[in-house]
């Protein structure tokens, strides 16, 4: 799983568009968690982080960092 930090956006209006952009870039049914109020996206996939950063930024949210999360 990776966490993509967007910084605090306080914006929830674009959540659906962001989820759609991520799902279009992911294979199959991958867990995606979006918390725009706190500026974080979590994706349970080994998908190429550059592809997901591009999807997130294309939806209008700049990514400030990407962190690998180990269970």
PDB file of N, CA and C in Angstrom:
ATOM      1  N   UNK A   1       0.856  -1.176   0.000  1.00  0.00           N
ATOM      2  CA  UNK A   1       0.000   0.000   0.000  1.00  0.00           C
ATOM      3  C   UNK A   1       0.897   1.233   0.000  1.00  0.00           C
ATOM      4  N   UNK A   2       0.427   2.240  -0.698  1.00  0.00           N
ATOM      5  CA  UNK A   2       1.143   3.517  -0.720  1.00  0.00           C
ATOM      6  C   UNK A   2       0.188   4.641  -0.328  1.00  0.00           C
ATOM      7  N   UNK A   3       0.762   5.646   0.334  1.00  0.00           N
ATOM      8  CA  UNK A   3       0.010   6.853   0.673  1.00  0.00           C
ATOM      9  C   UNK A   3       0.560   8.000  -0.166  1.00  0.00           C
ATOM     10  N   UNK A   4      -0.346   8.746  -0.768  1.00  0.00           N
ATOM     11  CA  UNK A   4       0.001   9.906  -1.591  1.00  0.00           C
ATOM     12  C   UNK A   4      -0.475  11.137  -0.836  1.00  0.00           C
ATOM     13  N   UNK A   5       0.466  11.988  -0.417  1.00  0.00           N
ATOM     14  CA  UNK A   5       0.133  13.175   0.366  1.00  0.00           C
ATOM     15  C   UNK A   5      -0.130  14.343  -0.567  1.00  0.00           C
ATOM     16  N   UNK A   6      -1.295  14.945  -0.403  1.00  0.00           N
ATOM     17  CA  UNK A   6      -1.676  16.092  -1.217  1.00  0.00           C
ATOM     18  C   UNK A   6      -1.565  17.387  -0.436  1.00  0.00           C
ATOM     19  N   UNK A   7      -1.249  17.288   0.850  1.00  0.00           N
ATOM     20  CA  UNK A   7      -1.337  18.450   1.712  1.00  0.00           C
ATOM     21  C   UNK A   7      -2.806  18.701   2.006  1.00  0.00           C
ATOM     22  N   UNK A   8      -3.117  19.437   3.062  1.00  0.00           N
ATOM     23  CA  UNK A   8      -4.526  19.656   3.407  1.00  0.00           C
ATOM     24  C   UNK A   8      -5.236  20.481   2.343  1.00  0.00           C
ATOM     25  N   UNK A   9      -6.274  19.912   1.760  1.00  0.00           N
ATOM     26  CA  UNK A   9      -7.020  20.625   0.729  1.00  0.00           C
ATOM     27  C   UNK A   9      -8.311  21.200   1.282  1.00  0.00           C
ATOM     28  N   UNK A  10      -8.876  20.537   2.312  1.00  0.00           N
ATOM     29  CA  UNK A  10     -10.158  20.977   2.861  1.00  0.00           C
ATOM     30  C   UNK A  10     -11.285  20.865   1.856  1.00  0.00           C
ATOM     31  N   UNK A  11     -11.025  20.196   0.746  1.00  0.00           N
ATOM     32  CA  UNK A  11     -11.985  20.117  -0.355  1.00  0.00           C
ATOM     33  C   UNK A  11     -12.452  18.683  -0.527  1.00  0.00           C
ATOM     34  N   UNK A  12     -13.752  18.462  -0.514  1.00  0.00           N
ATOM     35  CA  UNK A  12     -14.293  17.125  -0.729  1.00  0.00           C
ATOM     36  C   UNK A  12     -15.064  17.051  -2.042  1.00  0.00           C
ATOM     37  N   UNK A  13     -15.210  18.162  -2.725  1.00  0.00           N
ATOM     38  CA  UNK A  13     -16.032  18.199  -3.938  1.00  0.00           C
ATOM     39  C   UNK A  13     -15.471  17.353  -5.065  1.00  0.00           C
ATOM     40  N   UNK A  14     -14.157  17.224  -5.142  1.00  0.00           N
ATOM     41  CA  UNK A  14     -13.551  16.500  -6.249  1.00  0.00           C
ATOM     42  C   UNK A  14     -13.264  15.043  -5.961  1.00  0.00           C
ATOM     43  N   UNK A  15     -13.770  14.537  -4.845  1.00  0.00           N
ATOM     44  CA  UNK A  15     -13.459  13.170  -4.431  1.00  0.00           C
ATOM     45  C   UNK A  15     -13.862  12.132  -5.481  1.00  0.00           C
ATOM     46  N   UNK A  16     -15.038  12.253  -6.038  1.00  0.00           N
ATOM     47  CA  UNK A  16     -15.526  11.287  -7.029  1.00  0.00           C
ATOM     48  C   UNK A  16     -14.678  11.349  -8.299  1.00  0.00           C
ATOM     49  N   UNK A  17     -14.351  12.541  -8.759  1.00  0.00           N
ATOM     50  CA  UNK A  17     -13.518  12.688  -9.958  1.00  0.00           C
ATOM     51  C   UNK A  17     -12.128  12.097  -9.725  1.00  0.00           C
ATOM     52  N   UNK A  18     -11.585  12.295  -8.534  1.00  0.00           N
ATOM     53  CA  UNK A  18     -10.276  11.746  -8.208  1.00  0.00           C
ATOM     54  C   UNK A  18     -10.339  10.221  -8.162  1.00  0.00           C
ATOM     55  N   UNK A  19     -11.370   9.685  -7.542  1.00  0.00           N
ATOM     56  CA  UNK A  19     -11.520   8.227  -7.497  1.00  0.00           C
ATOM     57  C   UNK A  19     -11.651   7.646  -8.905  1.00  0.00           C
ATOM     58  N   UNK A  20     -12.436   8.292  -9.748  1.00  0.00           N
ATOM     59  CA  UNK A  20     -12.597   7.828 -11.135  1.00  0.00           C
ATOM     60  C   UNK A  20     -11.258   7.839 -11.880  1.00  0.00           C
ATOM     61  N   UNK A  21     -10.462   8.897 -11.683  1.00  0.00           N
ATOM     62  CA  UNK A  21      -9.159   8.997 -12.345  1.00  0.00           C
ATOM     63  C   UNK A  21      -8.223   7.885 -11.871  1.00  0.00           C
ATOM     64  N   UNK A  22      -8.253   7.597 -10.571  1.00  0.00           N
ATOM     65  CA  UNK A  22      -7.407   6.531 -10.037  1.00  0.00           C
ATOM     66  C   UNK A  22      -7.856   5.171 -10.548  1.00  0.00           C
ATOM     67  N   UNK A  23      -9.149   4.919 -10.501  1.00  0.00           N
ATOM     68  CA  UNK A  23      -9.675   3.614 -10.930  1.00  0.00           C
ATOM     69  C   UNK A  23      -9.367   3.354 -12.409  1.00  0.00           C
ATOM     70  N   UNK A  24      -9.357   4.398 -13.218  1.00  0.00           N
ATOM     71  CA  UNK A  24      -9.028   4.241 -14.636  1.00  0.00           C
ATOM     72  C   UNK A  24      -7.559   3.858 -14.830  1.00  0.00           C
ATOM     73  N   UNK A  25      -6.725   4.128 -13.820  1.00  0.00           N
ATOM     74  CA  UNK A  25      -5.294   3.840 -13.905  1.00  0.00           C
ATOM     75  C   UNK A  25      -4.901   2.549 -13.200  1.00  0.00           C
ATOM     76  N   UNK A  26      -5.861   1.899 -12.546  1.00  0.00           N
ATOM     77  CA  UNK A  26      -5.576   0.704 -11.752  1.00  0.00           C
ATOM     78  C   UNK A  26      -6.191  -0.542 -12.367  1.00  0.00           C
ATOM     79  N   UNK A  27      -5.499  -1.669 -12.228  1.00  0.00           N
ATOM     80  CA  UNK A  27      -6.070  -2.928 -12.715  1.00  0.00           C
ATOM     81  C   UNK A  27      -7.056  -3.509 -11.700  1.00  0.00           C
ATOM     82  N   UNK A  28      -8.188  -3.978 -12.161  1.00  0.00           N
ATOM     83  CA  UNK A  28      -9.136  -4.689 -11.295  1.00  0.00           C
ATOM     84  C   UNK A  28      -9.696  -3.874 -10.154  1.00  0.00           C
ATOM     85  N   UNK A  29     -10.065  -4.589  -9.101  1.00  0.00           N
ATOM     86  CA  UNK A  29     -10.713  -3.985  -7.934  1.00  0.00           C
ATOM     87  C   UNK A  29      -9.686  -3.754  -6.831  1.00  0.00           C
ATOM     88  N   UNK A  30      -8.998  -2.643  -6.903  1.00  0.00           N
ATOM     89  CA  UNK A  30      -7.939  -2.304  -5.959  1.00  0.00           C
ATOM     90  C   UNK A  30      -8.516  -1.373  -4.895  1.00  0.00           C
ATOM     91  N   UNK A  31      -8.196  -1.618  -3.599  1.00  0.00           N
ATOM     92  CA  UNK A  31      -8.681  -0.714  -2.557  1.00  0.00           C
ATOM     93  C   UNK A  31      -8.095   0.696  -2.710  1.00  0.00           C
ATOM     94  N   UNK A  32      -8.978   1.681  -2.673  1.00  0.00           N
ATOM     95  CA  UNK A  32      -8.580   3.087  -2.767  1.00  0.00           C
ATOM     96  C   UNK A  32      -9.270   3.837  -1.637  1.00  0.00           C
ATOM     97  N   UNK A  33      -8.497   4.595  -0.868  1.00  0.00           N
ATOM     98  CA  UNK A  33      -9.051   5.438   0.188  1.00  0.00           C
ATOM     99  C   UNK A  33      -8.686   6.883  -0.083  1.00  0.00           C
ATOM    100  N   UNK A  34      -9.683   7.742  -0.092  1.00  0.00           N
ATOM    101  CA  UNK A  34      -9.449   9.158  -0.390  1.00  0.00           C
ATOM    102  C   UNK A  34      -9.969   9.993   0.768  1.00  0.00           C
ATOM    103  N   UNK A  35      -9.095  10.843   1.310  1.00  0.00           N
ATOM    104  CA  UNK A  35      -9.479  11.763   2.377  1.00  0.00           C
ATOM    105  C   UNK A  35      -8.976  13.148   1.975  1.00  0.00           C
ATOM    106  N   UNK A  36      -9.779  13.847   1.194  1.00  0.00           N
ATOM    107  CA  UNK A  36      -9.349  15.162   0.704  1.00  0.00           C
ATOM    108  C   UNK A  36      -9.308  16.198   1.811  1.00  0.00           C
ATOM    109  N   UNK A  37     -10.112  16.010   2.838  1.00  0.00           N
ATOM    110  CA  UNK A  37     -10.104  16.971   3.938  1.00  0.00           C
ATOM    111  C   UNK A  37      -8.721  17.016   4.596  1.00  0.00           C
ATOM    112  N   UNK A  38      -8.071  15.855   4.687  1.00  0.00           N
ATOM    113  CA  UNK A  38      -6.732  15.785   5.268  1.00  0.00           C
ATOM    114  C   UNK A  38      -5.645  15.657   4.204  1.00  0.00           C
ATOM    115  N   UNK A  39      -6.055  15.626   2.932  1.00  0.00           N
ATOM    116  CA  UNK A  39      -5.093  15.614   1.838  1.00  0.00           C
ATOM    117  C   UNK A  39      -4.319  14.327   1.683  1.00  0.00           C
ATOM    118  N   UNK A  40      -5.025  13.193   1.782  1.00  0.00           N
ATOM    119  CA  UNK A  40      -4.335  11.914   1.638  1.00  0.00           C
ATOM    120  C   UNK A  40      -5.124  10.946   0.771  1.00  0.00           C
ATOM    121  N   UNK A  41      -4.389  10.219  -0.044  1.00  0.00           N
ATOM    122  CA  UNK A  41      -4.950   9.151  -0.868  1.00  0.00           C
ATOM    123  C   UNK A  41      -4.143   7.900  -0.563  1.00  0.00           C
ATOM    124  N   UNK A  42      -4.832   6.785  -0.300  1.00  0.00           N
ATOM    125  CA  UNK A  42      -4.157   5.501  -0.076  1.00  0.00           C
ATOM    126  C   UNK A  42      -4.617   4.516  -1.132  1.00  0.00           C
ATOM    127  N   UNK A  43      -3.645   3.817  -1.698  1.00  0.00           N
ATOM    128  CA  UNK A  43      -3.941   2.850  -2.752  1.00  0.00           C
ATOM    129  C   UNK A  43      -3.276   1.527  -2.389  1.00  0.00           C
ATOM    130  N   UNK A  44      -4.069   0.470  -2.317  1.00  0.00           N
ATOM    131  CA  UNK A  44      -3.565  -0.858  -1.992  1.00  0.00           C
ATOM    132  C   UNK A  44      -3.149  -1.599  -3.238  1.00  0.00           C
ATOM    133  N   UNK A  45      -2.086  -1.167  -3.853  1.00  0.00           N
ATOM    134  CA  UNK A  45      -1.647  -1.769  -5.108  1.00  0.00           C
ATOM    135  C   UNK A  45      -0.163  -1.514  -5.298  1.00  0.00           C
ATOM    136  N   UNK A  46       0.460  -2.382  -6.071  1.00  0.00           N
ATOM    137  CA  UNK A  46       1.858  -2.175  -6.442  1.00  0.00           C
ATOM    138  C   UNK A  46       1.967  -1.456  -7.781  1.00  0.00           C
ATOM    139  N   UNK A  47       0.904  -0.794  -8.182  1.00  0.00           N
ATOM    140  CA  UNK A  47       0.906  -0.053  -9.448  1.00  0.00           C
ATOM    141  C   UNK A  47       2.024   0.990  -9.428  1.00  0.00           C
ATOM    142  N   UNK A  48       2.505   1.326 -10.590  1.00  0.00           N
ATOM    143  CA  UNK A  48       3.582   2.301 -10.737  1.00  0.00           C
ATOM    144  C   UNK A  48       3.168   3.630 -10.103  1.00  0.00           C
ATOM    145  N   UNK A  49       3.903   4.085  -9.075  1.00  0.00           N
ATOM    146  CA  UNK A  49       3.542   5.343  -8.414  1.00  0.00           C
ATOM    147  C   UNK A  49       3.501   6.536  -9.363  1.00  0.00           C
ATOM    148  N   UNK A  50       4.361   6.550 -10.385  1.00  0.00           N
ATOM    149  CA  UNK A  50       4.364   7.671 -11.327  1.00  0.00           C
ATOM    150  C   UNK A  50       3.046   7.747 -12.090  1.00  0.00           C
ATOM    151  N   UNK A  51       2.478   6.595 -12.411  1.00  0.00           N
ATOM    152  CA  UNK A  51       1.189   6.563 -13.112  1.00  0.00           C
ATOM    153  C   UNK A  51       0.099   7.125 -12.207  1.00  0.00           C
ATOM    154  N   UNK A  52       0.129   6.740 -10.927  1.00  0.00           N
ATOM    155  CA  UNK A  52      -0.901   7.217 -10.002  1.00  0.00           C
ATOM    156  C   UNK A  52      -0.718   8.694  -9.664  1.00  0.00           C
ATOM    157  N   UNK A  53       0.521   9.146  -9.537  1.00  0.00           N
ATOM    158  CA  UNK A  53       0.766  10.577  -9.317  1.00  0.00           C
ATOM    159  C   UNK A  53       0.221  11.368 -10.501  1.00  0.00           C
ATOM    160  N   UNK A  54       0.449  10.884 -11.710  1.00  0.00           N
ATOM    161  CA  UNK A  54      -0.077  11.556 -12.897  1.00  0.00           C
ATOM    162  C   UNK A  54      -1.605  11.613 -12.845  1.00  0.00           C
ATOM    163  N   UNK A  55      -2.255  10.513 -12.454  1.00  0.00           N
ATOM    164  CA  UNK A  55      -3.720  10.480 -12.375  1.00  0.00           C
ATOM    165  C   UNK A  55      -4.234  11.470 -11.333  1.00  0.00           C
ATOM    166  N   UNK A  56      -3.580  11.504 -10.172  1.00  0.00           N
ATOM    167  CA  UNK A  56      -3.998  12.413  -9.097  1.00  0.00           C
ATOM    168  C   UNK A  56      -3.811  13.864  -9.536  1.00  0.00           C
ATOM    169  N   UNK A  57      -2.663  14.167 -10.108  1.00  0.00           N
ATOM    170  CA  UNK A  57      -2.390  15.545 -10.528  1.00  0.00           C
ATOM    171  C   UNK A  57      -3.265  15.963 -11.701  1.00  0.00           C
ATOM    172  N   UNK A  58      -3.610  15.024 -12.566  1.00  0.00           N
ATOM    173  CA  UNK A  58      -4.525  15.332 -13.677  1.00  0.00           C
ATOM    174  C   UNK A  58      -5.923  15.671 -13.177  1.00  0.00           C
ATOM    175  N   UNK A  59      -6.268  15.140 -11.994  1.00  0.00           N
ATOM    176  CA  UNK A  59      -7.563  15.455 -11.387  1.00  0.00           C
ATOM    177  C   UNK A  59      -7.519  16.789 -10.641  1.00  0.00           C
ATOM    178  N   UNK A  60      -6.335  17.430 -10.609  1.00  0.00           N
ATOM    179  CA  UNK A  60      -6.230  18.769 -10.028  1.00  0.00           C
ATOM    180  C   UNK A  60      -5.655  18.828  -8.629  1.00  0.00           C
ATOM    181  N   UNK A  61      -5.004  17.752  -8.176  1.00  0.00           N
ATOM    182  CA  UNK A  61      -4.443  17.728  -6.823  1.00  0.00           C
ATOM    183  C   UNK A  61      -2.946  17.451  -6.886  1.00  0.00           C
ATOM    184  N   UNK A  62      -2.106  18.425  -6.555  1.00  0.00           N
ATOM    185  CA  UNK A  62      -0.666  18.196  -6.588  1.00  0.00           C
ATOM    186  C   UNK A  62      -0.237  17.230  -5.478  1.00  0.00           C
ATOM    187  N   UNK A  63       0.613  16.293  -5.821  1.00  0.00           N
ATOM    188  CA  UNK A  63       1.124  15.319  -4.858  1.00  0.00           C
ATOM    189  C   UNK A  63       2.425  15.859  -4.279  1.00  0.00           C
ATOM    190  N   UNK A  64       2.503  15.930  -2.940  1.00  0.00           N
ATOM    191  CA  UNK A  64       3.706  16.451  -2.291  1.00  0.00           C
ATOM    192  C   UNK A  64       4.663  15.350  -1.867  1.00  0.00           C
ATOM    193  N   UNK A  65       4.144  14.127  -1.646  1.00  0.00           N
ATOM    194  CA  UNK A  65       5.019  13.004  -1.309  1.00  0.00           C
ATOM    195  C   UNK A  65       4.284  11.687  -1.508  1.00  0.00           C
ATOM    196  N   UNK A  66       5.078  10.623  -1.652  1.00  0.00           N
ATOM    197  CA  UNK A  66       4.554   9.267  -1.775  1.00  0.00           C
ATOM    198  C   UNK A  66       5.284   8.424  -0.742  1.00  0.00           C
ATOM    199  N   UNK A  67       4.524   7.661   0.046  1.00  0.00           N
ATOM    200  CA  UNK A  67       5.122   6.863   1.111  1.00  0.00           C
ATOM    201  C   UNK A  67       4.640   5.423   1.015  1.00  0.00           C
ATOM    202  N   UNK A  68       5.576   4.491   1.110  1.00  0.00           N
ATOM    203  CA  UNK A  68       5.250   3.066   1.156  1.00  0.00           C
ATOM    204  C   UNK A  68       4.784   2.751   2.576  1.00  0.00           C
ATOM    205  N   UNK A  69       3.641   2.096   2.696  1.00  0.00           N
ATOM    206  CA  UNK A  69       3.104   1.735   4.010  1.00  0.00           C
ATOM    207  C   UNK A  69       3.174   0.223   4.147  1.00  0.00           C
ATOM    208  N   UNK A  70       3.861  -0.219   5.154  1.00  0.00           N
ATOM    209  CA  UNK A  70       3.982  -1.658   5.408  1.00  0.00           C
ATOM    210  C   UNK A  70       3.021  -2.051   6.523  1.00  0.00           C
ATOM    211  N   UNK A  71       2.366  -3.180   6.337  1.00  0.00           N
ATOM    212  CA  UNK A  71       1.403  -3.656   7.347  1.00  0.00           C
ATOM    213  C   UNK A  71       2.104  -4.342   8.480  1.00  0.00           C
TER     214      UNK A  71
END
